[in-house]
């Protein structure tokens, strides 16, 4: 069958997984996309992926972002047409369409790419049972009555010692104002959908700053470094909010 010039046929087997992966990540680099596909035992060849990315971007379903400090890296987000298409396929799409978010583009991109690295590290352990991205969390919060107190960066479910443990994951790349953390602490302490909270910080000074905002909380909130979770995953050390007790993350999740 001939297709109308300028049109595109979207393959449910090959194109949809790409669109879903990018939508859930927010922003996804070309190299990260390849790694996600390898972990998923996907049969894509690199040249086939490149062809599909090009045609999806050419037709407005994906956007190839120009980020000045990532000149050698292609970074993709989902375009308005891609969001509309995925909504019709049952995807959770309560996310800003490209270009309409509140954060500066570069800040959002770098935050998303670091979160992707965390996701890849946990997925590589084989213990990640489920990872719900911020888009799904926001969709639930905005469209249902079963809401979380906050739009967490991710809700993570892992299997540790044969037992499933769920926690909210927050990634801090740069510090927020004190009053913002006071509001976040209030939300965490009134959360009734989740029991555990893990904050990952880009460096130790930031980790110390964020942890002090939770000093005295009775909720199980743990703090760790980005480099540690990327290198050691669930064996990484985390600190409680008092910064006095240290646990392996897997042990903290079993408390």
Protein backbone atom coordinates (compact mmCIF):
# COMPACT_ATOMS: atom_id res chain seq x y z
CA UNK A 1 0.00 0.00 0.00
CA UNK A 2 1.31 3.46 -0.90
CA UNK A 3 1.39 6.11 1.81
CA UNK A 4 0.60 9.78 1.28
CA UNK A 5 3.75 11.84 0.78
CA UNK A 6 4.85 13.44 4.06
CA UNK A 7 2.95 10.94 6.21
CA UNK A 8 4.42 8.40 8.62
CA UNK A 9 3.33 4.93 9.68
CA UNK A 10 4.15 4.32 13.35
CA UNK A 11 5.18 0.78 14.16
CA UNK A 12 3.65 -0.45 17.47
CA UNK A 13 6.58 -2.88 17.79
CA UNK A 14 9.51 -0.61 16.97
CA UNK A 15 8.44 3.05 17.09
CA UNK A 16 6.09 3.06 20.08
CA UNK A 17 8.71 1.74 22.54
CA UNK A 18 11.02 4.60 21.52
CA UNK A 19 8.30 7.21 22.04
CA UNK A 20 7.26 5.74 25.40
CA UNK A 21 10.85 5.56 26.60
CA UNK A 22 11.52 9.20 25.71
CA UNK A 23 8.21 10.42 27.15
CA UNK A 24 8.81 8.72 30.48
CA UNK A 25 12.36 10.01 30.70
CA UNK A 26 11.44 13.58 29.79
CA UNK A 27 14.78 13.97 28.03
CA UNK A 28 16.88 11.06 26.83
CA UNK A 29 20.29 11.01 25.18
CA UNK A 30 21.01 8.81 22.19
CA UNK A 31 23.56 6.79 24.17
CA UNK A 32 21.15 6.25 27.08
CA UNK A 33 18.49 5.06 24.65
CA UNK A 34 20.84 2.40 23.33
CA UNK A 35 21.64 1.24 26.87
CA UNK A 36 17.96 1.00 27.84
CA UNK A 37 17.30 -1.10 24.75
CA UNK A 38 20.21 -3.44 25.44
CA UNK A 39 18.98 -3.97 29.01
CA UNK A 40 15.57 -4.76 27.60
CA UNK A 41 17.10 -7.34 25.24
CA UNK A 42 15.76 -5.30 22.35
CA UNK A 43 16.74 -6.43 18.87
CA UNK A 44 17.37 -2.91 17.50
CA UNK A 45 20.54 -2.39 15.54
CA UNK A 46 22.21 1.01 15.89
CA UNK A 47 21.62 2.01 12.26
CA UNK A 48 17.97 0.96 12.51
CA UNK A 49 17.53 3.06 15.66
CA UNK A 50 19.17 6.07 14.02
CA UNK A 51 16.81 5.79 11.04
CA UNK A 52 13.76 5.57 13.28
CA UNK A 53 14.85 8.51 15.44
CA UNK A 54 15.43 10.63 12.33
CA UNK A 55 12.00 9.93 10.84
CA UNK A 56 10.17 10.39 14.17
CA UNK A 57 11.91 13.75 14.64
CA UNK A 58 11.31 14.73 11.02
CA UNK A 59 7.57 14.23 11.48
CA UNK A 60 7.37 16.08 14.83
CA UNK A 61 6.82 13.10 17.12
CA UNK A 62 10.27 13.60 18.68
CA UNK A 63 12.31 16.74 19.15
CA UNK A 64 16.10 16.68 18.96
CA UNK A 65 17.12 19.32 21.50
CA UNK A 66 20.05 21.65 21.00
CA UNK A 67 21.79 21.94 24.38
CA UNK A 68 24.94 24.09 24.23
CA UNK A 69 26.97 22.18 26.84
CA UNK A 70 26.04 18.84 25.30
CA UNK A 71 27.22 19.68 21.80
CA UNK A 72 28.40 16.13 21.06
CA UNK A 73 25.29 14.45 22.46
CA UNK A 74 21.90 14.21 20.80
CA UNK A 75 19.13 14.63 23.35
CA UNK A 76 15.51 13.79 22.53
CA UNK A 77 12.18 14.78 24.00
CA UNK A 78 8.65 14.02 22.82
CA UNK A 79 7.00 16.59 20.57
CA UNK A 80 3.37 17.68 20.78
CA UNK A 81 2.34 15.19 18.10
CA UNK A 82 4.11 12.38 19.95
CA UNK A 83 2.28 13.25 23.18
CA UNK A 84 -1.05 13.23 21.34
CA UNK A 85 -0.27 9.89 19.72
CA UNK A 86 0.76 8.21 22.98
CA UNK A 87 -2.29 9.56 24.80
CA UNK A 88 -4.40 7.65 22.28
CA UNK A 89 -2.41 4.50 23.08
CA UNK A 90 -3.23 4.69 26.78
CA UNK A 91 0.03 6.28 27.96
CA UNK A 92 0.07 8.54 31.02
CA UNK A 93 0.70 11.93 29.42
CA UNK A 94 0.32 14.53 32.19
CA UNK A 95 3.63 16.12 31.24
CA UNK A 96 4.62 19.49 29.80
CA UNK A 97 4.87 19.35 26.02
CA UNK A 98 8.32 20.27 24.76
CA UNK A 99 9.14 23.89 25.49
CA UNK A 100 6.29 24.57 27.95
CA UNK A 101 7.95 23.53 31.22
CA UNK A 102 8.80 25.92 34.05
CA UNK A 103 12.50 25.03 34.40
CA UNK A 104 15.15 26.37 32.04
CA UNK A 105 15.75 23.85 29.27
CA UNK A 106 19.36 23.12 30.22
CA UNK A 107 18.49 22.55 33.91
CA UNK A 108 15.65 20.18 33.01
CA UNK A 109 17.81 18.26 30.54
CA UNK A 110 20.71 17.69 32.92
CA UNK A 111 18.40 16.70 35.78
CA UNK A 112 16.59 14.23 33.51
CA UNK A 113 19.80 12.74 32.12
CA UNK A 114 21.14 12.13 35.64
CA UNK A 115 17.85 10.48 36.62
CA UNK A 116 18.18 8.27 33.55
CA UNK A 117 21.61 7.17 34.79
CA UNK A 118 20.11 6.22 38.15
CA UNK A 119 17.35 4.28 36.40
CA UNK A 120 19.88 2.46 34.22
CA UNK A 121 22.04 1.61 37.26
CA UNK A 122 19.09 0.13 39.16
CA UNK A 123 17.74 -1.65 36.09
CA UNK A 124 21.13 -3.24 35.52
CA UNK A 125 20.99 -4.98 38.92
CA UNK A 126 18.02 -7.10 37.86
CA UNK A 127 16.28 -6.12 41.13
CA UNK A 128 14.22 -3.26 39.73
CA UNK A 129 10.64 -4.51 39.64
CA UNK A 130 9.07 -1.24 38.56
CA UNK A 131 10.05 2.39 38.07
CA UNK A 132 7.26 4.93 37.74
CA UNK A 133 8.59 8.23 36.34
CA UNK A 134 7.47 11.69 37.28
CA UNK A 135 5.09 11.79 34.30
CA UNK A 136 3.08 8.88 35.72
CA UNK A 137 3.24 10.30 39.25
CA UNK A 138 1.97 13.66 38.00
CA UNK A 139 -0.75 11.99 35.95
CA UNK A 140 -2.00 10.14 39.03
CA UNK A 141 -1.85 13.30 41.15
CA UNK A 142 -3.68 15.47 38.63
CA UNK A 143 -6.27 13.03 37.33
CA UNK A 144 -7.20 10.65 40.16
CA UNK A 145 -8.36 10.83 43.78
CA UNK A 146 -5.55 8.46 44.89
CA UNK A 147 -2.86 11.10 45.05
CA UNK A 148 0.65 11.30 46.36
CA UNK A 149 1.48 14.38 48.41
CA UNK A 150 4.14 15.41 45.90
CA UNK A 151 5.19 14.95 42.27
CA UNK A 152 8.20 12.79 43.13
CA UNK A 153 10.98 12.32 40.58
CA UNK A 154 10.17 8.59 40.56
CA UNK A 155 8.46 5.86 42.54
CA UNK A 156 10.75 2.84 42.63
CA UNK A 157 9.88 -0.77 43.46
CA UNK A 158 12.79 -3.17 44.00
CA UNK A 159 13.01 -6.80 45.10
CA UNK A 160 15.47 -7.18 47.97
CA UNK A 161 15.95 -10.61 49.52
CA UNK A 162 12.75 -11.86 47.93
CA UNK A 163 10.75 -8.95 49.40
CA UNK A 164 9.43 -6.00 47.40
CA UNK A 165 10.28 -2.56 48.76
CA UNK A 166 8.82 0.67 47.40
CA UNK A 167 10.22 4.15 47.88
CA UNK A 168 9.98 7.68 46.53
CA UNK A 169 13.14 8.80 44.77
CA UNK A 170 14.16 12.45 44.69
CA UNK A 171 17.27 13.73 42.93
CA UNK A 172 18.86 17.01 43.99
CA UNK A 173 21.25 18.42 41.44
CA UNK A 174 21.17 21.99 42.76
CA UNK A 175 19.92 23.40 46.09
CA UNK A 176 16.47 24.88 46.61
CA UNK A 177 15.55 27.66 49.01
CA UNK A 178 15.02 26.67 52.65
CA UNK A 179 11.31 27.51 52.52
CA UNK A 180 10.92 25.12 49.59
CA UNK A 181 12.41 22.26 51.62
CA UNK A 182 10.16 23.14 54.54
CA UNK A 183 7.20 22.65 52.22
CA UNK A 184 8.64 19.39 50.85
CA UNK A 185 9.24 18.10 54.39
CA UNK A 186 5.62 18.85 55.26
CA UNK A 187 4.49 16.88 52.21
CA UNK A 188 6.76 13.92 53.02
CA UNK A 189 5.60 13.80 56.65
CA UNK A 190 1.95 13.74 55.55
CA UNK A 191 2.44 11.13 52.79
CA UNK A 192 0.17 8.13 53.34
CA UNK A 193 0.83 6.29 50.06
CA UNK A 194 4.55 5.63 50.65
CA UNK A 195 6.67 4.62 53.61
CA UNK A 196 10.25 5.28 52.50
CA UNK A 197 12.02 8.20 50.82
CA UNK A 198 15.47 8.30 49.24
CA UNK A 199 17.22 11.54 48.35
CA UNK A 200 20.16 11.36 45.97
CA UNK A 201 22.41 14.44 45.87
CA UNK A 202 25.01 15.48 43.31
CA UNK A 203 27.68 16.17 45.97
CA UNK A 204 28.26 15.81 49.69
CA UNK A 205 27.73 19.48 50.59
CA UNK A 206 24.33 19.41 48.92
CA UNK A 207 23.52 16.11 50.63
CA UNK A 208 24.37 17.67 54.01
CA UNK A 209 22.27 20.76 53.26
CA UNK A 210 19.18 18.78 52.22
CA UNK A 211 19.48 16.27 55.07
CA UNK A 212 19.57 19.04 57.68
CA UNK A 213 16.18 20.21 56.40
CA UNK A 214 14.77 16.87 57.54
CA UNK A 215 16.55 16.72 60.90
CA UNK A 216 14.19 15.32 63.54
CA UNK A 217 11.69 13.83 61.12
CA UNK A 218 10.13 10.54 62.13
CA UNK A 219 9.72 9.37 58.55
CA UNK A 220 12.34 6.99 57.09
CA UNK A 221 14.20 9.42 54.83
CA UNK A 222 17.64 8.42 53.55
CA UNK A 223 20.34 10.40 51.77
CA UNK A 224 23.06 9.25 49.38
CA UNK A 225 25.37 10.45 46.63
CA UNK A 226 24.85 10.19 42.88
CA UNK A 227 28.30 8.68 42.32
CA UNK A 228 27.60 5.99 44.91
CA UNK A 229 24.28 4.82 43.50
CA UNK A 230 25.75 4.72 39.99
CA UNK A 231 28.70 2.62 41.14
CA UNK A 232 27.18 0.46 43.90
CA UNK A 233 23.40 0.62 43.31
CA UNK A 234 21.58 -1.00 46.29
CA UNK A 235 24.89 -1.63 48.06
CA UNK A 236 25.54 2.10 48.35
CA UNK A 237 25.68 3.68 51.79
CA UNK A 238 22.90 6.04 52.81
CA UNK A 239 22.54 8.27 55.85
CA UNK A 240 19.43 8.93 57.89
CA UNK A 241 18.19 12.48 58.40
CA UNK A 242 20.31 12.96 61.55
CA UNK A 243 23.46 12.22 59.50
CA UNK A 244 24.58 9.93 62.33
CA UNK A 245 23.50 6.48 61.14
CA UNK A 246 24.76 4.85 57.97
CA UNK A 247 23.18 1.84 56.23
CA UNK A 248 23.56 0.00 52.94
CA UNK A 249 20.53 1.08 50.90
CA UNK A 250 19.26 -2.50 50.63
CA UNK A 251 19.26 -2.73 54.43
CA UNK A 252 17.52 0.62 54.85
CA UNK A 253 14.75 -0.52 52.51
CA UNK A 254 14.13 -3.59 54.66
CA UNK A 255 13.75 -1.68 57.95
